[in-house]
């Protein structure tokens, strides 16, 4: 019984980590686009 709860908690933590990772990738991609737009405007 205890192991099932632990497994569920680990699964939830893994899902949260995945979401955070995906958000981080989206954010970096957005920043890259923003930076490239800035450079284009400067030139």
PDB file of N, CA and C in Angstrom:
ATOM      1  N   UNK A   1       0.845  -1.207   0.000  1.00  0.00           N
ATOM      2  CA  UNK A   1       0.000   0.000   0.000  1.00  0.00           C
ATOM      3  C   UNK A   1       0.880   1.257   0.000  1.00  0.00           C
ATOM      4  N   UNK A   2       1.870   1.236   0.886  1.00  0.00           N
ATOM      5  CA  UNK A   2       2.772   2.392   0.985  1.00  0.00           C
ATOM      6  C   UNK A   2       3.517   2.616  -0.334  1.00  0.00           C
ATOM      7  N   UNK A   3       3.998   1.530  -0.922  1.00  0.00           N
ATOM      8  CA  UNK A   3       4.776   1.657  -2.162  1.00  0.00           C
ATOM      9  C   UNK A   3       3.922   2.255  -3.283  1.00  0.00           C
ATOM     10  N   UNK A   4       2.630   1.930  -3.312  1.00  0.00           N
ATOM     11  CA  UNK A   4       1.738   2.480  -4.352  1.00  0.00           C
ATOM     12  C   UNK A   4       1.666   3.996  -4.225  1.00  0.00           C
ATOM     13  N   UNK A   5       1.530   4.471  -2.989  1.00  0.00           N
ATOM     14  CA  UNK A   5       1.448   5.925  -2.753  1.00  0.00           C
ATOM     15  C   UNK A   5       2.764   6.583  -3.175  1.00  0.00           C
ATOM     16  N   UNK A   6       3.885   5.954  -2.788  1.00  0.00           N
ATOM     17  CA  UNK A   6       5.195   6.509  -3.154  1.00  0.00           C
ATOM     18  C   UNK A   6       5.339   6.580  -4.663  1.00  0.00           C
ATOM     19  N   UNK A   7       4.899   5.503  -5.344  1.00  0.00           N
ATOM     20  CA  UNK A   7       4.981   5.471  -6.805  1.00  0.00           C
ATOM     21  C   UNK A   7       4.168   6.605  -7.409  1.00  0.00           C
ATOM     22  N   UNK A   8       2.968   6.799  -6.870  1.00  0.00           N
ATOM     23  CA  UNK A   8       2.089   7.848  -7.398  1.00  0.00           C
ATOM     24  C   UNK A   8       2.732   9.223  -7.226  1.00  0.00           C
ATOM     25  N   UNK A   9       3.340   9.445  -6.053  1.00  0.00           N
ATOM     26  CA  UNK A   9       4.007  10.724  -5.784  1.00  0.00           C
ATOM     27  C   UNK A   9       5.159  10.921  -6.770  1.00  0.00           C
ATOM     28  N   UNK A  10       5.933   9.854  -6.988  1.00  0.00           N
ATOM     29  CA  UNK A  10       7.061   9.954  -7.927  1.00  0.00           C
ATOM     30  C   UNK A  10       6.555  10.270  -9.328  1.00  0.00           C
ATOM     31  N   UNK A  11       5.458   9.628  -9.715  1.00  0.00           N
ATOM     32  CA  UNK A  11       4.886   9.863 -11.041  1.00  0.00           C
ATOM     33  C   UNK A  11       4.469  11.323 -11.175  1.00  0.00           C
ATOM     34  N   UNK A  12       3.811  11.856 -10.149  1.00  0.00           N
ATOM     35  CA  UNK A  12       3.367  13.253 -10.185  1.00  0.00           C
ATOM     36  C   UNK A  12       4.571  14.191 -10.283  1.00  0.00           C
ATOM     37  N   UNK A  13       5.613  13.897  -9.497  1.00  0.00           N
ATOM     38  CA  UNK A  13       6.825  14.726  -9.547  1.00  0.00           C
ATOM     39  C   UNK A  13       7.436  14.682 -10.943  1.00  0.00           C
ATOM     40  N   UNK A  14       7.428  13.489 -11.560  1.00  0.00           N
ATOM     41  CA  UNK A  14       7.987  13.328 -12.898  1.00  0.00           C
ATOM     42  C   UNK A  14       7.191  14.148 -13.903  1.00  0.00           C
ATOM     43  N   UNK A  15       5.863  14.102 -13.786  1.00  0.00           N
ATOM     44  CA  UNK A  15       4.999  14.874 -14.694  1.00  0.00           C
ATOM     45  C   UNK A  15       5.273  16.360 -14.539  1.00  0.00           C
ATOM     46  N   UNK A  16       5.375  16.822 -13.291  1.00  0.00           N
ATOM     47  CA  UNK A  16       5.632  18.239 -13.033  1.00  0.00           C
ATOM     48  C   UNK A  16       6.978  18.639 -13.634  1.00  0.00           C
ATOM     49  N   UNK A  17       7.993  17.783 -13.445  1.00  0.00           N
ATOM     50  CA  UNK A  17       9.314  18.073 -14.004  1.00  0.00           C
ATOM     51  C   UNK A  17       9.246  18.179 -15.517  1.00  0.00           C
ATOM     52  N   UNK A  18       8.472  17.275 -16.150  1.00  0.00           N
ATOM     53  CA  UNK A  18       8.325  17.312 -17.610  1.00  0.00           C
ATOM     54  C   UNK A  18       7.691  18.623 -18.042  1.00  0.00           C
ATOM     55  N   UNK A  19       6.629  19.040 -17.339  1.00  0.00           N
ATOM     56  CA  UNK A  19       5.947  20.288 -17.681  1.00  0.00           C
ATOM     57  C   UNK A  19       6.895  21.476 -17.544  1.00  0.00           C
ATOM     58  N   UNK A  20       7.652  21.486 -16.450  1.00  0.00           N
ATOM     59  CA  UNK A  20       8.605  22.579 -16.229  1.00  0.00           C
ATOM     60  C   UNK A  20       9.642  22.595 -17.346  1.00  0.00           C
ATOM     61  N   UNK A  21      10.101  21.397 -17.723  1.00  0.00           N
ATOM     62  CA  UNK A  21      11.098  21.280 -18.792  1.00  0.00           C
ATOM     63  C   UNK A  21      10.534  21.817 -20.102  1.00  0.00           C
ATOM     64  N   UNK A  22       9.284  21.417 -20.433  1.00  0.00           N
ATOM     65  CA  UNK A  22       8.650  21.887 -21.665  1.00  0.00           C
ATOM     66  C   UNK A  22       8.499  23.402 -21.637  1.00  0.00           C
ATOM     67  N   UNK A  23       8.067  23.939 -20.502  1.00  0.00           N
ATOM     68  CA  UNK A  23       7.895  25.387 -20.367  1.00  0.00           C
ATOM     69  C   UNK A  23       9.234  26.086 -20.563  1.00  0.00           C
ATOM     70  N   UNK A  24      10.296  25.517 -19.993  1.00  0.00           N
ATOM     71  CA  UNK A  24      11.633  26.097 -20.138  1.00  0.00           C
ATOM     72  C   UNK A  24      12.045  26.143 -21.598  1.00  0.00           C
ATOM     73  N   UNK A  25      11.775  25.065 -22.342  1.00  0.00           N
ATOM     74  CA  UNK A  25      12.126  25.025 -23.767  1.00  0.00           C
ATOM     75  C   UNK A  25      11.333  26.087 -24.518  1.00  0.00           C
ATOM     76  N   UNK A  26      10.030  26.171 -24.232  1.00  0.00           N
ATOM     77  CA  UNK A  26       9.196  27.176 -24.903  1.00  0.00           C
ATOM     78  C   UNK A  26       9.732  28.577 -24.612  1.00  0.00           C
ATOM     79  N   UNK A  27      10.098  28.810 -23.356  1.00  0.00           N
ATOM     80  CA  UNK A  27      10.587  30.131 -22.953  1.00  0.00           C
ATOM     81  C   UNK A  27      11.882  30.465 -23.683  1.00  0.00           C
ATOM     82  N   UNK A  28      12.824  29.504 -23.747  1.00  0.00           N
ATOM     83  CA  UNK A  28      14.102  29.768 -24.420  1.00  0.00           C
ATOM     84  C   UNK A  28      13.865  30.026 -25.904  1.00  0.00           C
ATOM     85  N   UNK A  29      12.967  29.264 -26.522  1.00  0.00           N
ATOM     86  CA  UNK A  29      12.659  29.480 -27.941  1.00  0.00           C
ATOM     87  C   UNK A  29      12.092  30.879 -28.137  1.00  0.00           C
ATOM     88  N   UNK A  30      11.189  31.291 -27.225  1.00  0.00           N
ATOM     89  CA  UNK A  30      10.581  32.621 -27.338  1.00  0.00           C
ATOM     90  C   UNK A  30      11.655  33.701 -27.187  1.00  0.00           C
ATOM     91  N   UNK A  31      12.563  33.517 -26.220  1.00  0.00           N
ATOM     92  CA  UNK A  31      13.630  34.500 -26.016  1.00  0.00           C
ATOM     93  C   UNK A  31      14.528  34.576 -27.250  1.00  0.00           C
ATOM     94  N   UNK A  32      14.815  33.422 -27.867  1.00  0.00           N
ATOM     95  CA  UNK A  32      15.649  33.406 -29.073  1.00  0.00           C
ATOM     96  C   UNK A  32      14.973  34.215 -30.173  1.00  0.00           C
ATOM     97  N   UNK A  33      13.677  34.003 -30.364  1.00  0.00           N
ATOM     98  CA  UNK A  33      12.933  34.752 -31.381  1.00  0.00           C
ATOM     99  C   UNK A  33      12.996  36.242 -31.066  1.00  0.00           C
ATOM    100  N   UNK A  34      12.780  36.579 -29.790  1.00  0.00           N
ATOM    101  CA  UNK A  34      12.782  37.974 -29.361  1.00  0.00           C
ATOM    102  C   UNK A  34      14.142  38.612 -29.643  1.00  0.00           C
ATOM    103  N   UNK A  35      15.218  37.883 -29.321  1.00  0.00           N
ATOM    104  CA  UNK A  35      16.574  38.380 -29.550  1.00  0.00           C
ATOM    105  C   UNK A  35      16.822  38.595 -31.042  1.00  0.00           C
ATOM    106  N   UNK A  36      16.405  37.642 -31.863  1.00  0.00           N
ATOM    107  CA  UNK A  36      16.637  37.759 -33.305  1.00  0.00           C
ATOM    108  C   UNK A  36      15.854  38.956 -33.855  1.00  0.00           C
ATOM    109  N   UNK A  37      14.641  39.175 -33.334  1.00  0.00           N
ATOM    110  CA  UNK A  37      13.847  40.327 -33.772  1.00  0.00           C
ATOM    111  C   UNK A  37      14.559  41.621 -33.395  1.00  0.00           C
ATOM    112  N   UNK A  38      15.108  41.661 -32.194  1.00  0.00           N
ATOM    113  CA  UNK A  38      15.849  42.838 -31.739  1.00  0.00           C
ATOM    114  C   UNK A  38      17.017  43.115 -32.683  1.00  0.00           C
ATOM    115  N   UNK A  39      17.776  42.062 -33.030  1.00  0.00           N
ATOM    116  CA  UNK A  39      18.935  42.214 -33.907  1.00  0.00           C
ATOM    117  C   UNK A  39      18.498  42.725 -35.276  1.00  0.00           C
ATOM    118  N   UNK A  40      17.398  42.174 -35.788  1.00  0.00           N
ATOM    119  CA  UNK A  40      16.899  42.614 -37.102  1.00  0.00           C
ATOM    120  C   UNK A  40      16.533  44.101 -37.049  1.00  0.00           C
ATOM    121  N   UNK A  41      15.904  44.514 -35.960  1.00  0.00           N
ATOM    122  CA  UNK A  41      15.512  45.914 -35.820  1.00  0.00           C
ATOM    123  C   UNK A  41      16.738  46.814 -35.737  1.00  0.00           C
ATOM    124  N   UNK A  42      17.772  46.328 -35.061  1.00  0.00           N
ATOM    125  CA  UNK A  42      18.995  47.117 -34.905  1.00  0.00           C
ATOM    126  C   UNK A  42      19.676  47.291 -36.263  1.00  0.00           C
ATOM    127  N   UNK A  43      19.645  46.245 -37.074  1.00  0.00           N
ATOM    128  CA  UNK A  43      20.290  46.300 -38.395  1.00  0.00           C
ATOM    129  C   UNK A  43      19.319  46.930 -39.390  1.00  0.00           C
TER     130      UNK A  43
END
